C-alpha atoms as a PDB file:
ATOM      1  CA  MET A   1      13.287-101.242 101.928  1.00  0.00           C
ATOM      2  CA  SER A   2      13.490-100.149  98.297  1.00  0.00           C
ATOM      3  CA  VAL A   3      14.410 -96.566  97.471  1.00  0.00           C
ATOM      4  CA  PRO A   4      11.313 -94.514  98.318  1.00  0.00           C
ATOM      5  CA  LEU A   5       9.661 -92.193  95.869  1.00  0.00           C
ATOM      6  CA  TYR A   6       8.440 -89.828  98.577  1.00  0.00           C
ATOM      7  CA  VAL A   7       9.001 -89.359 102.324  1.00  0.00           C
ATOM      8  CA  PRO A   8       6.150 -87.511 104.071  1.00  0.00           C
ATOM      9  CA  VAL A   9       6.734 -86.522 107.691  1.00  0.00           C
ATOM     10  CA  LEU A  10       3.609 -87.764 109.475  1.00  0.00           C
ATOM     11  CA  PRO A  11       2.604 -87.546 113.124  1.00  0.00           C
ATOM     12  CA  THR A  12       1.764 -90.806 114.888  1.00  0.00           C
ATOM     13  CA  ARG A  13      -1.861 -89.680 115.170  1.00  0.00           C
ATOM     14  CA  PRO A  14      -4.988 -91.616 114.093  1.00  0.00           C
ATOM     15  CA  HIS A  15      -5.774 -89.294 111.164  1.00  0.00           C
ATOM     16  CA  ALA A  16      -2.317 -89.772 109.623  1.00  0.00           C
ATOM     17  CA  VAL A  17      -2.325 -93.544 110.162  1.00  0.00           C
ATOM     18  CA  SER A  18      -5.774 -93.750 108.525  1.00  0.00           C
ATOM     19  CA  ALA A  19      -4.563 -91.630 105.610  1.00  0.00           C
ATOM     20  CA  TYR A  20      -1.626 -93.936 104.911  1.00  0.00           C
ATOM     21  CA  ARG A  21      -3.912 -96.956 105.217  1.00  0.00           C
ATOM     22  CA  ALA A  22      -6.281 -95.418 102.630  1.00  0.00           C
ATOM     23  CA  LEU A  23      -3.571 -95.127  99.964  1.00  0.00           C
ATOM     24  CA  THR A  24      -3.587 -97.624  97.124  1.00  0.00           C
ATOM     25  CA  PRO A  25      -1.156-100.556  97.578  1.00  0.00           C
ATOM     26  CA  ASP A  26       1.164 -99.337  94.821  1.00  0.00           C
ATOM     27  CA  LEU A  27       1.562 -95.968  96.544  1.00  0.00           C
ATOM     28  CA  GLN A  28       2.092 -97.564  99.944  1.00  0.00           C
ATOM     29  CA  ARG A  29       5.008 -99.483  98.488  1.00  0.00           C
ATOM     30  CA  ARG A  30       6.637 -96.326  97.088  1.00  0.00           C
ATOM     31  CA  ILE A  31       5.979 -93.960 100.001  1.00  0.00           C
ATOM     32  CA  ALA A  32       8.137 -94.263 103.126  1.00  0.00           C
ATOM     33  CA  PRO A  33       6.631 -92.047 105.852  1.00  0.00           C
ATOM     34  CA  LEU A  34       8.820 -90.571 108.537  1.00  0.00           C
ATOM     35  CA  TRP A  35       6.502 -91.190 111.499  1.00  0.00           C
ATOM     36  CA  THR A  36       7.177 -88.732 114.276  1.00  0.00           C
ATOM     37  CA  LEU A  37       6.243 -89.284 117.900  1.00  0.00           C
ATOM     38  CA  PRO A  38       5.144 -86.023 119.579  1.00  0.00           C
ATOM     39  CA  PRO A  39       6.716 -84.570 122.715  1.00  0.00           C
ATOM     40  CA  ARG A  40       4.979 -85.371 125.989  1.00  0.00           C
ATOM     41  CA  PRO A  41       6.824 -83.478 128.707  1.00  0.00           C
ATOM     42  CA  GLY A  42       5.777 -84.068 132.272  1.00  0.00           C
ATOM     43  CA  PHE A  43       4.253 -87.522 131.735  1.00  0.00           C
ATOM     44  CA  SER A  44       5.140 -90.159 134.288  1.00  0.00           C
ATOM     45  CA  PRO A  45       6.925 -93.230 132.855  1.00  0.00           C
ATOM     46  CA  GLY A  46       3.946 -95.624 133.038  1.00  0.00           C
ATOM     47  CA  PRO A  47       1.380 -93.568 131.080  1.00  0.00           C
ATOM     48  CA  LEU A  48       4.073 -92.369 128.682  1.00  0.00           C
ATOM     49  CA  ALA A  49       5.134 -95.944 127.905  1.00  0.00           C
ATOM     50  CA  GLN A  50       1.496 -96.881 127.219  1.00  0.00           C
ATOM     51  CA  LEU A  51       1.107 -94.005 124.747  1.00  0.00           C
ATOM     52  CA  ILE A  52       4.363 -94.799 122.964  1.00  0.00           C
ATOM     53  CA  ARG A  53       3.446 -98.477 122.720  1.00  0.00           C
ATOM     54  CA  LYS A  54      -0.020 -97.666 121.385  1.00  0.00           C
ATOM     55  CA  GLU A  55       1.107 -95.155 118.764  1.00  0.00           C
ATOM     56  CA  ALA A  56       4.117 -97.157 117.591  1.00  0.00           C
ATOM     57  CA  GLY A  57       1.955-100.273 117.382  1.00  0.00           C
ATOM     58  CA  GLY A  58      -0.665 -98.450 115.322  1.00  0.00           C
ATOM     59  CA  VAL A  59       1.962 -97.273 112.858  1.00  0.00           C
ATOM     60  CA  SER A  60       3.549-100.718 112.653  1.00  0.00           C
ATOM     61  CA  ALA A  61       0.189-102.339 111.899  1.00  0.00           C
ATOM     62  CA  VAL A  62      -0.327-100.376 108.661  1.00  0.00           C
ATOM     63  CA  HIS A  63       3.128-101.184 107.276  1.00  0.00           C
ATOM     64  CA  ARG A  64       2.441-104.495 105.656  1.00  0.00           C
ATOM     65  CA  ARG A  65       3.332-103.582 102.068  1.00  0.00           C
ATOM     66  CA  GLY A  66       5.864-100.798 102.472  1.00  0.00           C
ATOM     67  CA  SER A  67       8.482 -99.666 104.955  1.00  0.00           C
ATOM     68  CA  GLY A  68       8.826 -96.435 106.872  1.00  0.00           C
ATOM     69  CA  TRP A  69      10.780 -94.633 109.563  1.00  0.00           C
ATOM     70  CA  LEU A  70       9.857 -94.106 113.211  1.00  0.00           C
ATOM     71  CA  ASP A  71      11.422 -91.217 115.092  1.00  0.00           C
ATOM     72  CA  ALA A  72      11.147 -89.302 118.366  1.00  0.00           C
ATOM     73  CA  PRO A  73      13.053 -86.087 117.592  1.00  0.00           C
ATOM     74  CA  PHE A  74      11.525 -84.064 120.427  1.00  0.00           C
ATOM     75  CA  ALA A  75      12.132 -86.510 123.286  1.00  0.00           C
ATOM     76  CA  ASP A  76      13.928 -85.055 126.279  1.00  0.00           C
ATOM     77  CA  GLU A  77      16.212 -87.113 128.530  1.00  0.00           C
ATOM     78  CA  VAL A  78      13.328 -88.579 130.532  1.00  0.00           C
ATOM     79  CA  GLU A  79      11.212 -89.394 127.467  1.00  0.00           C
ATOM     80  CA  ALA A  80      14.228 -90.950 125.739  1.00  0.00           C
ATOM     81  CA  GLU A  81      14.777 -93.352 128.648  1.00  0.00           C
ATOM     82  CA  VAL A  82      11.118 -94.438 128.531  1.00  0.00           C
ATOM     83  CA  LEU A  83      11.295 -94.788 124.749  1.00  0.00           C
ATOM     84  CA  SER A  84      14.385 -96.979 125.039  1.00  0.00           C
ATOM     85  CA  ASP A  85      12.665 -99.283 127.515  1.00  0.00           C
ATOM     86  CA  THR A  86       9.370 -99.409 125.588  1.00  0.00           C
ATOM     87  CA  LEU A  87      10.654 -99.854 122.032  1.00  0.00           C
ATOM     88  CA  SER A  88      13.656-101.986 122.872  1.00  0.00           C
ATOM     89  CA  PRO A  89      15.921-103.284 120.073  1.00  0.00           C
ATOM     90  CA  GLU A  90      13.910-106.527 120.058  1.00  0.00           C
ATOM     91  CA  TRP A  91      10.729-104.578 119.243  1.00  0.00           C
ATOM     92  CA  TRP A  92      12.135-103.529 115.864  1.00  0.00           C
ATOM     93  CA  GLU A  93      13.203-106.970 114.649  1.00  0.00           C
ATOM     94  CA  GLN A  94       9.980-108.104 112.959  1.00  0.00           C
ATOM     95  CA  ARG A  95       8.636-104.737 111.827  1.00  0.00           C
ATOM     96  CA  ASN A  96       8.793-102.772 108.578  1.00  0.00           C
ATOM     97  CA  LEU A  97      10.007 -99.707 110.436  1.00  0.00           C
ATOM     98  CA  TRP A  98      13.514 -98.333 110.627  1.00  0.00           C
ATOM     99  CA  PRO A  99      14.984 -96.308 113.517  1.00  0.00           C
ATOM    100  CA  VAL A 100      16.082 -92.703 113.243  1.00  0.00           C
ATOM    101  CA  THR A 101      18.484 -90.616 115.279  1.00  0.00           C
ATOM    102  CA  GLY A 102      20.477 -87.467 114.781  1.00  0.00           C
ATOM    103  CA  PRO A 103      22.823 -84.912 116.282  1.00  0.00           C
ATOM    104  CA  GLY A 104      21.734 -83.212 119.469  1.00  0.00           C
ATOM    105  CA  ARG A 105      19.574 -86.121 120.642  1.00  0.00           C
ATOM    106  CA  PRO A 106      19.636 -87.575 124.176  1.00  0.00           C
ATOM    107  CA  GLY A 107      22.168 -90.373 124.533  1.00  0.00           C
ATOM    108  CA  ALA A 108      19.481 -92.972 125.277  1.00  0.00           C
ATOM    109  CA  GLN A 109      17.671 -92.209 122.017  1.00  0.00           C
ATOM    110  CA  GLN A 110      20.863 -92.396 119.968  1.00  0.00           C
ATOM    111  CA  SER A 111      21.924 -95.654 121.615  1.00  0.00           C
ATOM    112  CA  LEU A 112      18.495 -97.207 121.020  1.00  0.00           C
ATOM    113  CA  ALA A 113      18.524 -96.398 117.305  1.00  0.00           C
ATOM    114  CA  LEU A 114      22.031 -97.770 116.853  1.00  0.00           C
ATOM    115  CA  ALA A 115      21.250-100.936 118.819  1.00  0.00           C
ATOM    116  CA  ALA A 116      17.979-101.504 116.952  1.00  0.00           C
ATOM    117  CA  VAL A 117      19.563-101.255 113.526  1.00  0.00           C
ATOM    118  CA  GLY A 118      22.359-103.571 114.601  1.00  0.00           C
ATOM    119  CA  ARG A 119      19.965-106.433 115.416  1.00  0.00           C
ATOM    120  CA  ARG A 120      18.586-106.819 111.902  1.00  0.00           C
ATOM    121  CA  GLU A 121      20.372-108.179 108.891  1.00  0.00           C
ATOM    122  CA  GLY A 122      20.217-105.497 106.236  1.00  0.00           C
ATOM    123  CA  GLY A 123      19.098-102.964 108.839  1.00  0.00           C
ATOM    124  CA  ARG A 124      19.022 -99.292 107.904  1.00  0.00           C
ATOM    125  CA  LEU A 125      19.432 -96.178 109.965  1.00  0.00           C
ATOM    126  CA  GLY A 126      17.951 -92.746 109.313  1.00  0.00           C
ATOM    127  CA  MET A 127      20.162 -89.765 110.203  1.00  0.00           C
ATOM    128  CA  ARG A 128      17.817 -86.808 110.694  1.00  0.00           C
ATOM    129  CA  VAL A 129      19.555 -83.437 110.615  1.00  0.00           C
ATOM    130  CA  ARG A 130      17.313 -80.479 111.346  1.00  0.00           C
ATOM    131  CA  LEU A 131      18.082 -77.195 109.574  1.00  0.00           C
ATOM    132  CA  LEU A 132      15.703 -74.557 110.903  1.00  0.00           C
ATOM    133  CA  GLY A 133      17.997 -71.623 110.118  1.00  0.00           C
ATOM    134  CA  ALA A 134      21.527 -71.183 108.856  1.00  0.00           C
ATOM    135  CA  TRP A 135      23.900 -74.135 108.548  1.00  0.00           C
ATOM    136  CA  SER A 136      26.550 -74.599 111.252  1.00  0.00           C
ATOM    137  CA  ASP A 137      29.745 -76.550 110.558  1.00  0.00           C
ATOM    138  CA  GLY A 138      29.703 -77.692 114.185  1.00  0.00           C
ATOM    139  CA  THR A 139      27.062 -80.255 113.237  1.00  0.00           C
ATOM    140  CA  ILE A 140      29.612 -82.176 111.150  1.00  0.00           C
ATOM    141  CA  ALA A 141      31.475 -83.477 114.196  1.00  0.00           C
ATOM    142  CA  GLU A 142      28.239 -84.755 115.772  1.00  0.00           C
ATOM    143  CA  VAL A 143      27.198 -86.533 112.590  1.00  0.00           C
ATOM    144  CA  LEU A 144      30.640 -88.128 112.212  1.00  0.00           C
ATOM    145  CA  GLU A 145      30.542 -89.336 115.800  1.00  0.00           C
ATOM    146  CA  LEU A 146      27.219 -91.082 115.167  1.00  0.00           C
ATOM    147  CA  LEU A 147      28.448 -92.554 111.888  1.00  0.00           C
ATOM    148  CA  ASP A 148      31.494 -93.974 113.698  1.00  0.00           C
ATOM    149  CA  ARG A 149      29.146 -95.754 116.129  1.00  0.00           C
ATOM    150  CA  CYS A 150      27.077 -97.400 113.389  1.00  0.00           C
ATOM    151  CA  PRO A 151      27.406-101.167 112.944  1.00  0.00           C
ATOM    152  CA  PRO A 152      29.917-102.055 110.207  1.00  0.00           C
ATOM    153  CA  GLY A 153      28.370-101.977 106.758  1.00  0.00           C
ATOM    154  CA  CYS A 154      25.083-100.506 107.976  1.00  0.00           C
ATOM    155  CA  PRO A 155      23.407 -98.428 105.236  1.00  0.00           C
ATOM    156  CA  VAL A 156      22.551 -94.938 106.474  1.00  0.00           C
ATOM    157  CA  ASP A 157      20.007 -92.563 104.925  1.00  0.00           C
ATOM    158  CA  LEU A 158      20.414 -88.814 105.330  1.00  0.00           C
ATOM    159  CA  LEU A 159      17.146 -87.084 106.240  1.00  0.00           C
ATOM    160  CA  LEU A 160      17.623 -83.317 105.960  1.00  0.00           C
ATOM    161  CA  ASP A 161      14.715 -81.608 107.714  1.00  0.00           C
ATOM    162  CA  LEU A 162      14.244 -77.953 106.749  1.00  0.00           C
ATOM    163  CA  GLY A 163      11.183 -77.483 108.940  1.00  0.00           C
ATOM    164  CA  THR A 164       8.881 -74.668 107.813  1.00  0.00           C
ATOM    165  CA  VAL A 165       9.500 -73.251 104.339  1.00  0.00           C
ATOM    166  CA  LEU A 166       7.068 -70.442 103.551  1.00  0.00           C
ATOM    167  CA  PRO A 167       7.504 -67.332 101.336  1.00  0.00           C
ATOM    168  CA  ASP A 168       9.331 -65.600 104.204  1.00  0.00           C
ATOM    169  CA  ARG A 169      12.219 -68.059 103.787  1.00  0.00           C
ATOM    170  CA  PRO A 170      13.339 -67.463 100.187  1.00  0.00           C
ATOM    171  CA  ASP A 171      16.874 -68.790 100.804  1.00  0.00           C
ATOM    172  CA  ALA A 172      15.740 -72.237 102.000  1.00  0.00           C
ATOM    173  CA  ALA A 173      17.108 -74.015  98.920  1.00  0.00           C
ATOM    174  CA  LYS A 174      20.492 -72.279  99.236  1.00  0.00           C
ATOM    175  CA  GLU A 175      20.631 -73.214 102.942  1.00  0.00           C
ATOM    176  CA  ALA A 176      19.828 -76.816 102.044  1.00  0.00           C
ATOM    177  CA  LEU A 177      22.490 -76.979  99.342  1.00  0.00           C
ATOM    178  CA  ARG A 178      25.112 -75.517 101.665  1.00  0.00           C
ATOM    179  CA  THR A 179      24.236 -78.195 104.212  1.00  0.00           C
ATOM    180  CA  LEU A 180      24.209 -81.013 101.678  1.00  0.00           C
ATOM    181  CA  ASP A 181      27.578 -79.917 100.310  1.00  0.00           C
ATOM    182  CA  ALA A 182      28.947 -80.374 103.839  1.00  0.00           C
ATOM    183  CA  LEU A 183      27.167 -83.617 104.776  1.00  0.00           C
ATOM    184  CA  VAL A 184      27.046 -85.679 101.588  1.00  0.00           C
ATOM    185  CA  PRO A 185      30.846 -86.248 101.437  1.00  0.00           C
ATOM    186  CA  LEU A 186      30.920 -87.672 105.004  1.00  0.00           C
ATOM    187  CA  THR A 187      29.827 -91.181 104.025  1.00  0.00           C
ATOM    188  CA  SER A 188      28.179 -93.237 101.281  1.00  0.00           C
ATOM    189  CA  TRP A 189      24.616 -92.305 102.116  1.00  0.00           C
ATOM    190  CA  ARG A 190      22.089 -94.771 100.737  1.00  0.00           C
ATOM    191  CA  THR A 191      19.654 -91.970  99.934  1.00  0.00           C
ATOM    192  CA  VAL A 192      19.496 -88.239 100.640  1.00  0.00           C
ATOM    193  CA  THR A 193      16.032 -86.919 101.500  1.00  0.00           C
ATOM    194  CA  VAL A 194      15.160 -83.231 101.782  1.00  0.00           C
ATOM    195  CA  MET A 195      11.955 -82.528 103.729  1.00  0.00           C
ATOM    196  CA  ALA A 196      10.143 -79.228 104.258  1.00  0.00           C
ATOM    197  CA  GLY A 197       6.738 -78.091 105.426  1.00  0.00           C
ATOM    198  CA  GLY A 198       4.929 -75.685 103.137  1.00  0.00           C
ATOM    199  CA  PHE A 199       1.236 -75.868 104.067  1.00  0.00           C
ATOM    200  CA  PRO A 200       0.549 -72.644 105.993  1.00  0.00           C
ATOM    201  CA  ALA A 201      -1.436 -72.205 109.165  1.00  0.00           C
ATOM    202  CA  PRO A 202      -4.829 -70.529 108.580  1.00  0.00           C
ATOM    203  CA  PRO A 203      -4.490 -66.729 108.342  1.00  0.00           C
ATOM    204  CA  PRO A 204      -5.814 -64.444 111.120  1.00  0.00           C
ATOM    205  CA  ASP A 205      -8.736 -63.309 108.950  1.00  0.00           C
ATOM    206  CA  PHE A 206      -9.692 -66.857 107.895  1.00  0.00           C
ATOM    207  CA  ARG A 207     -13.482 -67.078 107.503  1.00  0.00           C
ATOM    208  CA  GLU A 208     -16.202 -69.240 105.988  1.00  0.00           C
ATOM    209  CA  GLY A 209     -16.901 -68.933 102.284  1.00  0.00           C
ATOM    210  CA  VAL A 210     -13.566 -67.273 101.472  1.00  0.00           C
ATOM    211  CA  PRO A 211     -10.941 -69.857 100.500  1.00  0.00           C
ATOM    212  CA  TYR A 212      -7.309 -69.030 101.202  1.00  0.00           C
ATOM    213  CA  GLU A 213      -4.525 -69.721  98.684  1.00  0.00           C
ATOM    214  CA  ALA A 214      -0.787 -69.901  99.370  1.00  0.00           C
ATOM    215  CA  PRO A 215       2.170 -70.757  97.109  1.00  0.00           C
ATOM    216  CA  ARG A 216       3.935 -74.100  97.459  1.00  0.00           C
ATOM    217  CA  SER A 217       7.178 -72.578  98.683  1.00  0.00           C
ATOM    218  CA  ASP A 218       8.530 -75.948  99.805  1.00  0.00           C
ATOM    219  CA  TRP A 219       8.052 -77.361  96.304  1.00  0.00           C
ATOM    220  CA  GLU A 220       9.727 -74.300  94.787  1.00  0.00           C
ATOM    221  CA  ALA A 221      12.727 -74.882  97.059  1.00  0.00           C
ATOM    222  CA  TRP A 222      12.813 -78.527  95.960  1.00  0.00           C
ATOM    223  CA  GLU A 223      12.840 -77.505  92.291  1.00  0.00           C
ATOM    224  CA  GLU A 224      15.700 -75.085  92.938  1.00  0.00           C
ATOM    225  CA  ILE A 225      17.701 -77.902  94.542  1.00  0.00           C
ATOM    226  CA  GLN A 226      16.880 -80.194  91.614  1.00  0.00           C
ATOM    227  CA  HIS A 227      18.329 -77.656  89.193  1.00  0.00           C
ATOM    228  CA  SER A 228      21.578 -77.220  91.133  1.00  0.00           C
ATOM    229  CA  GLU A 229      23.520 -79.773  89.027  1.00  0.00           C
ATOM    230  CA  ARG A 230      25.004 -81.414  92.130  1.00  0.00           C
ATOM    231  CA  GLU A 231      26.478 -84.901  91.714  1.00  0.00           C
ATOM    232  CA  PHE A 232      24.282 -86.309  94.488  1.00  0.00           C
ATOM    233  CA  LEU A 233      20.985 -85.489  92.723  1.00  0.00           C
ATOM    234  CA  PRO A 234      20.398 -89.112  91.572  1.00  0.00           C
ATOM    235  CA  ARG A 235      20.196 -90.112  95.263  1.00  0.00           C
ATOM    236  CA  LEU A 236      17.896 -87.242  96.206  1.00  0.00           C
ATOM    237  CA  VAL A 237      14.405 -88.036  97.525  1.00  0.00           C
ATOM    238  CA  TYR A 238      11.575 -85.558  98.082  1.00  0.00           C
ATOM    239  CA  GLY A 239       9.873 -85.149 101.453  1.00  0.00           C
ATOM    240  CA  ASP A 240       7.340 -82.816 103.053  1.00  0.00           C
ATOM    241  CA  TYR A 241       5.060 -82.492 106.083  1.00  0.00           C
ATOM    242  CA  GLY A 242       1.811 -83.406 104.342  1.00  0.00           C
ATOM    243  CA  ILE A 243      -1.115 -81.018 104.779  1.00  0.00           C
ATOM    244  CA  LEU A 244      -0.281 -79.696 108.243  1.00  0.00           C
ATOM    245  CA  PRO A 245       2.214 -76.974 109.179  1.00  0.00           C
ATOM    246  CA  ALA A 246       5.640 -78.319 110.112  1.00  0.00           C
ATOM    247  CA  THR A 247       5.171 -76.960 113.638  1.00  0.00           C
ATOM    248  CA  TYR A 248       2.281 -79.394 114.218  1.00  0.00           C
ATOM    249  CA  ALA A 249       4.684 -82.314 114.670  1.00  0.00           C
ATOM    250  CA  ALA A 250       6.292 -80.626 117.683  1.00  0.00           C
ATOM    251  CA  GLN A 251       3.023 -79.799 119.457  1.00  0.00           C
ATOM    252  CA  VAL A 252       2.039 -81.610 122.627  1.00  0.00           C
ATOM    253  CA  PRO A 253      -1.215 -83.495 121.827  1.00  0.00           C
ATOM    254  CA  VAL A 254      -4.361 -82.071 123.401  1.00  0.00           C
ATOM    255  CA  SER A 255      -7.522 -83.930 124.406  1.00  0.00           C
ATOM    256  CA  SER A 256     -10.240 -84.583 121.838  1.00  0.00           C
ATOM    257  CA  ASN A 257     -12.183 -81.684 123.361  1.00  0.00           C
ATOM    258  CA  GLY A 258      -9.356 -79.228 122.775  1.00  0.00           C
ATOM    259  CA  GLY A 259      -8.659 -77.075 119.763  1.00  0.00           C
ATOM    260  CA  PRO A 260     -10.806 -74.585 117.867  1.00  0.00           C
ATOM    261  CA  PRO A 261     -14.527 -75.174 117.117  1.00  0.00           C
ATOM    262  CA  TRP A 262     -13.712 -75.259 113.416  1.00  0.00           C
ATOM    263  CA  GLY A 263     -11.369 -77.090 111.099  1.00  0.00           C
ATOM    264  CA  VAL A 264      -9.823 -76.814 107.646  1.00  0.00           C
ATOM    265  CA  LEU A 265     -10.339 -78.585 104.341  1.00  0.00           C
ATOM    266  CA  ARG A 266      -7.069 -78.516 102.423  1.00  0.00           C
ATOM    267  CA  TYR A 267      -6.241 -79.170  98.794  1.00  0.00           C
ATOM    268  CA  THR A 268      -2.976 -79.324  96.857  1.00  0.00           C
ATOM    269  CA  THR A 269      -2.518 -78.217  93.246  1.00  0.00           C
ATOM    270  CA  ALA A 270       0.608 -77.942  91.126  1.00  0.00           C
ATOM    271  CA  ARG A 271       1.577 -74.497  92.427  1.00  0.00           C
ATOM    272  CA  SER A 272      -0.738 -73.709  95.334  1.00  0.00           C
ATOM    273  CA  TYR A 273      -2.163 -74.847  98.651  1.00  0.00           C
ATOM    274  CA  HIS A 274      -5.855 -74.114  99.226  1.00  0.00           C
ATOM    275  CA  LEU A 275      -7.584 -73.870 102.609  1.00  0.00           C
ATOM    276  CA  SER A 276     -11.334 -73.714 103.256  1.00  0.00           C
ATOM    277  CA  LYS A 277     -12.814 -73.160 106.726  1.00  0.00           C
ATOM    278  CA  VAL A 278     -15.319 -75.662 108.158  1.00  0.00           C
ATOM    279  CA  PRO A 279     -17.179 -75.092 111.445  1.00  0.00           C
ATOM    280  CA  HIS A 280     -17.574 -78.139 113.668  1.00  0.00           C
ATOM    281  CA  GLY A 281     -21.103 -79.515 114.039  1.00  0.00           C
ATOM    282  CA  THR A 282     -24.022 -80.837 111.991  1.00  0.00           C
ATOM    283  CA  GLN A 283     -25.853 -77.517 112.403  1.00  0.00           C
ATOM    284  CA  TYR A 284     -23.328 -76.024 109.968  1.00  0.00           C
ATOM    285  CA  ASP A 285     -24.017 -78.521 107.187  1.00  0.00           C
ATOM    286  CA  ASP A 286     -24.754 -75.861 104.533  1.00  0.00           C
ATOM    287  CA  ILE A 287     -21.593 -73.916 105.382  1.00  0.00           C
ATOM    288  CA  ASN A 288     -19.519 -77.087 105.327  1.00  0.00           C
ATOM    289  CA  ARG A 289     -20.890 -78.169 101.976  1.00  0.00           C
ATOM    290  CA  GLU A 290     -19.983 -74.753 100.585  1.00  0.00           C
ATOM    291  CA  ALA A 291     -16.459 -75.144 101.995  1.00  0.00           C
ATOM    292  CA  ALA A 292     -16.094 -78.370 100.006  1.00  0.00           C
ATOM    293  CA  ARG A 293     -17.579 -76.714  96.906  1.00  0.00           C
ATOM    294  CA  CYS A 294     -14.924 -73.990  97.119  1.00  0.00           C
ATOM    295  CA  LEU A 295     -12.335 -76.694  96.501  1.00  0.00           C
ATOM    296  CA  THR A 296     -14.231 -78.766  93.934  1.00  0.00           C
ATOM    297  CA  ARG A 297     -14.802 -75.609  91.888  1.00  0.00           C
ATOM    298  CA  LEU A 298     -11.073 -74.935  91.607  1.00  0.00           C
ATOM    299  CA  GLU A 299      -9.812 -74.926  88.043  1.00  0.00           C
ATOM    300  CA  ASP A 300      -7.134 -77.415  89.117  1.00  0.00           C
ATOM    301  CA  PHE A 301      -9.470 -79.772  90.989  1.00  0.00           C
ATOM    302  CA  ARG A 302      -8.502 -83.185  89.658  1.00  0.00           C
ATOM    303  CA  GLY A 303     -11.902 -84.886  89.727  1.00  0.00           C
ATOM    304  CA  THR A 304     -13.131 -88.006  91.478  1.00  0.00           C
ATOM    305  CA  ALA A 305     -10.998 -90.356  89.379  1.00  0.00           C
ATOM    306  CA  ALA A 306      -7.889 -88.887  91.023  1.00  0.00           C
ATOM    307  CA  GLY A 307      -8.445 -90.616  94.347  1.00  0.00           C
ATOM    308  CA  ALA A 308     -10.367 -91.108  97.569  1.00  0.00           C
ATOM    309  CA  GLY A 309      -9.671 -87.558  98.761  1.00  0.00           C
ATOM    310  CA  GLU A 310     -11.327 -86.026  95.727  1.00  0.00           C
ATOM    311  CA  ARG A 311     -14.280 -88.399  95.979  1.00  0.00           C
ATOM    312  CA  TRP A 312     -14.881 -87.394  99.607  1.00  0.00           C
ATOM    313  CA  LEU A 313     -14.810 -83.688  98.693  1.00  0.00           C
ATOM    314  CA  ARG A 314     -17.299 -84.293  95.875  1.00  0.00           C
ATOM    315  CA  ASP A 315     -19.609 -86.231  98.191  1.00  0.00           C
ATOM    316  CA  ARG A 316     -19.330 -83.571 100.901  1.00  0.00           C
ATOM    317  CA  ALA A 317     -20.082 -80.817  98.387  1.00  0.00           C
ATOM    318  CA  GLN A 318     -23.223 -82.685  97.332  1.00  0.00           C
ATOM    319  CA  GLY A 319     -24.272 -83.513 100.895  1.00  0.00           C
ATOM    320  CA  VAL A 320     -23.859 -87.258 100.330  1.00  0.00           C
ATOM    321  CA  THR A 321     -21.503 -87.720 103.270  1.00  0.00           C
ATOM    322  CA  GLY A 322     -21.536 -86.223 106.759  1.00  0.00           C
ATOM    323  CA  THR A 323     -19.808 -83.052 107.877  1.00  0.00           C
ATOM    324  CA  GLY A 324     -16.889 -84.921 109.427  1.00  0.00           C
ATOM    325  CA  ASN A 325     -14.545 -83.757 112.195  1.00  0.00           C
ATOM    326  CA  HIS A 326     -10.887 -82.824 112.628  1.00  0.00           C
ATOM    327  CA  THR A 327      -9.754 -86.433 112.206  1.00  0.00           C
ATOM    328  CA  VAL A 328     -11.738 -86.850 108.979  1.00  0.00           C
ATOM    329  CA  TRP A 329     -10.667 -83.511 107.506  1.00  0.00           C
ATOM    330  CA  ASN A 330      -6.983 -84.186 108.202  1.00  0.00           C
ATOM    331  CA  ARG A 331      -7.232 -87.748 106.861  1.00  0.00           C
ATOM    332  CA  VAL A 332      -8.927 -86.678 103.630  1.00  0.00           C
ATOM    333  CA  GLY A 333      -6.492 -83.822 103.146  1.00  0.00           C
ATOM    334  CA  ASN A 334      -3.473 -86.075 103.514  1.00  0.00           C
ATOM    335  CA  VAL A 335      -4.903 -88.740 101.206  1.00  0.00           C
ATOM    336  CA  GLN A 336      -5.337 -86.277  98.343  1.00  0.00           C
ATOM    337  CA  HIS A 337      -1.996 -84.606  99.045  1.00  0.00           C
ATOM    338  CA  MET A 338       0.134 -87.752  99.280  1.00  0.00           C
ATOM    339  CA  THR A 339      -1.549 -89.293  96.236  1.00  0.00           C
ATOM    340  CA  PHE A 340      -0.977 -86.165  94.156  1.00  0.00           C
ATOM    341  CA  VAL A 341       2.635 -85.648  95.271  1.00  0.00           C
ATOM    342  CA  ALA A 342       3.616 -89.285  94.694  1.00  0.00           C
ATOM    343  CA  ARG A 343       2.101 -89.305  91.212  1.00  0.00           C
ATOM    344  CA  SER A 344       3.728 -85.971  90.388  1.00  0.00           C
ATOM    345  CA  LEU A 345       7.120 -87.350  91.369  1.00  0.00           C
ATOM    346  CA  ALA A 346       6.556 -90.507  89.350  1.00  0.00           C
END
């Protein structure tokens, strides 16, 4: 696994898998997604194992050119036991996916990640530390305990997860730097990734024909970290949560019939996130075309040469392609976002 250019946190859902598959081969090789299995409390072991096997297999199948991470940060004790039995250390041997663990995890999940990385020559372990508020020095002891259990010589990557970073969290960069100052000296981390979710949820007054714009607060925090003059900056890697709010990763999946009767077209520009409301159903074709036009008319719209996401928006605006559904809208949004972010970083 070469040093990634960009680490998006992606759910193990069909729309995210399809989005990664749609990226050009050169971007797939430089992007290392942190695939995140959702929580499924209350599931009996048999059905839960089937879901884990299906989702992990789907993610594994698209990683032919590049590598990525696979994590289950929300697993409780019961889910962790099922995960350990389903994705045993042998499962990881022939796949371009690396295990992740972190402080505060169930013992079965931590043991699985450490055993899986120990079975592969040149194996790598992701250490995901979540920072949803202020930094606590008590985390250091937990991280050191996990590092002591790593196989000798095993490279470890630090994955600092800030969660949601919106304008109401102006000190996110300072919190991250305080944490990195405490964690970076603990070992020779292979890379240090800082991930944050900046795409907002739709506002309460969200309506058709009125696009919503929000600042890229997560990117602003990243730039503040980049200008901190820390010695570890050459090892620093950018990460985010793609086009969905960071809280989406922790949601229990609902059936295909669940959720609102409308969706969101999303677009990323250098300084802003743009959201446009789309009702679900072919009877709303005119409204949906106008939603796409709201984005293609942006001054910072990059044009169809930029990628598949922009081409779909152009075709939708012109009525060339169908209205789509939640899976399509999320896939297209992530394709444009990941393509733009990776090229910006390059």
